[in-house]
Amino acid sequence: MTQTFRDVDLTQAFAQAKRHLASGQTNEALELLAAALGQTYALEQDYAPAVALLGNTLAQQGDARGAITCAWYLNDDRMAE
């Protein structure tokens, strides 16, 4: 079932995505993070951890391009490896 994400609170989306990942619902976590990060204006202290979680999850799923994009945003050379 596809959900629509309007006015998603980034902090809540981050917490929910972590719960999805903990329960093995990787696709749901990716969908939620991508939607929340794509529409949210947030403080860097809230935004960066969500980008890092997205990047790590993309890397685990074999999406190197997506993971590198997140690493670029975070200016994290270690994440890009």
Protein backbone atom coordinates (compact mmCIF):
# COMPACT_ATOMS: atom_id res chain seq x y z
CA MET A 1 0.00 0.00 0.00
CA THR A 2 1.43 3.35 -1.01
CA GLN A 3 1.13 6.15 1.49
CA THR A 4 1.15 9.84 0.74
CA PHE A 5 3.33 11.97 2.94
CA ARG A 6 2.18 15.52 3.45
CA ASP A 7 3.51 17.79 6.14
CA VAL A 8 5.70 15.00 7.50
CA ASP A 9 7.59 15.96 10.62
CA LEU A 10 11.21 15.01 9.99
CA THR A 11 11.85 13.96 13.58
CA GLN A 12 8.82 11.67 13.55
CA ALA A 13 9.72 10.30 10.12
CA PHE A 14 13.28 9.55 11.29
CA ALA A 15 11.99 7.67 14.34
CA GLN A 16 9.43 5.75 12.29
CA ALA A 17 12.03 4.85 9.66
CA LYS A 18 14.30 3.45 12.38
CA ARG A 19 11.39 1.32 13.62
CA HIS A 20 10.74 0.09 10.08
CA LEU A 21 14.39 -0.88 9.69
CA ALA A 22 14.44 -2.65 13.05
CA SER A 23 11.47 -4.76 11.94
CA GLY A 24 12.93 -5.52 8.51
CA GLN A 25 10.66 -3.17 6.56
CA THR A 26 13.45 -1.62 4.51
CA ASN A 27 11.32 -0.44 1.59
CA GLU A 28 8.92 1.35 3.91
CA ALA A 29 11.83 3.06 5.67
CA LEU A 30 13.35 4.20 2.37
CA GLU A 31 10.03 5.50 1.11
CA LEU A 32 9.36 7.41 4.31
CA LEU A 33 12.85 8.95 4.53
CA ALA A 34 12.90 9.98 0.88
CA ALA A 35 9.47 11.57 1.12
CA ALA A 36 10.23 13.38 4.36
CA LEU A 37 13.62 14.66 3.23
CA GLY A 38 12.23 15.75 -0.11
CA GLN A 39 9.61 18.08 1.32
CA THR A 40 11.03 19.21 4.64
CA TYR A 41 12.69 22.41 5.66
CA ALA A 42 14.57 21.53 8.81
CA LEU A 43 17.52 22.45 10.93
CA GLU A 44 20.75 20.78 9.89
CA GLN A 45 20.93 19.00 13.25
CA ASP A 46 17.66 17.23 12.40
CA TYR A 47 18.22 16.84 8.66
CA ALA A 48 21.74 15.36 8.63
CA PRO A 49 20.98 12.25 10.74
CA ALA A 50 18.04 11.42 8.47
CA VAL A 51 20.25 11.79 5.39
CA ALA A 52 22.87 9.55 7.02
CA LEU A 53 20.26 6.90 7.81
CA LEU A 54 18.97 7.07 4.25
CA GLY A 55 22.50 6.79 2.85
CA ASN A 56 23.40 3.83 5.02
CA THR A 57 20.17 2.06 4.13
CA LEU A 58 20.67 2.70 0.43
CA ALA A 59 24.21 1.32 0.67
CA GLN A 60 22.94 -1.82 2.38
CA GLN A 61 20.41 -2.26 -0.42
CA GLY A 62 23.14 -1.94 -3.07
CA ASP A 63 22.17 1.53 -4.28
CA ALA A 64 25.68 2.97 -4.53
CA ARG A 65 24.59 6.10 -6.40
CA GLY A 66 21.99 7.00 -3.81
CA ALA A 67 24.41 6.33 -0.96
CA ILE A 68 27.12 8.45 -2.59
CA THR A 69 24.64 11.29 -3.08
CA CYS A 70 23.88 11.22 0.65
CA ALA A 71 27.61 11.08 1.44
CA TRP A 72 28.18 14.08 -0.82
CA TYR A 73 25.48 16.07 0.98
CA LEU A 74 27.01 15.18 4.35
CA ASN A 75 30.56 15.83 3.07
CA ASP A 76 31.43 12.38 4.43
CA ASP A 77 34.23 10.69 2.50
CA ARG A 78 34.03 7.58 4.72
CA MET A 79 30.39 7.05 3.81
CA ALA A 80 31.23 7.27 0.11
CA GLU A 81 33.60 4.29 0.28
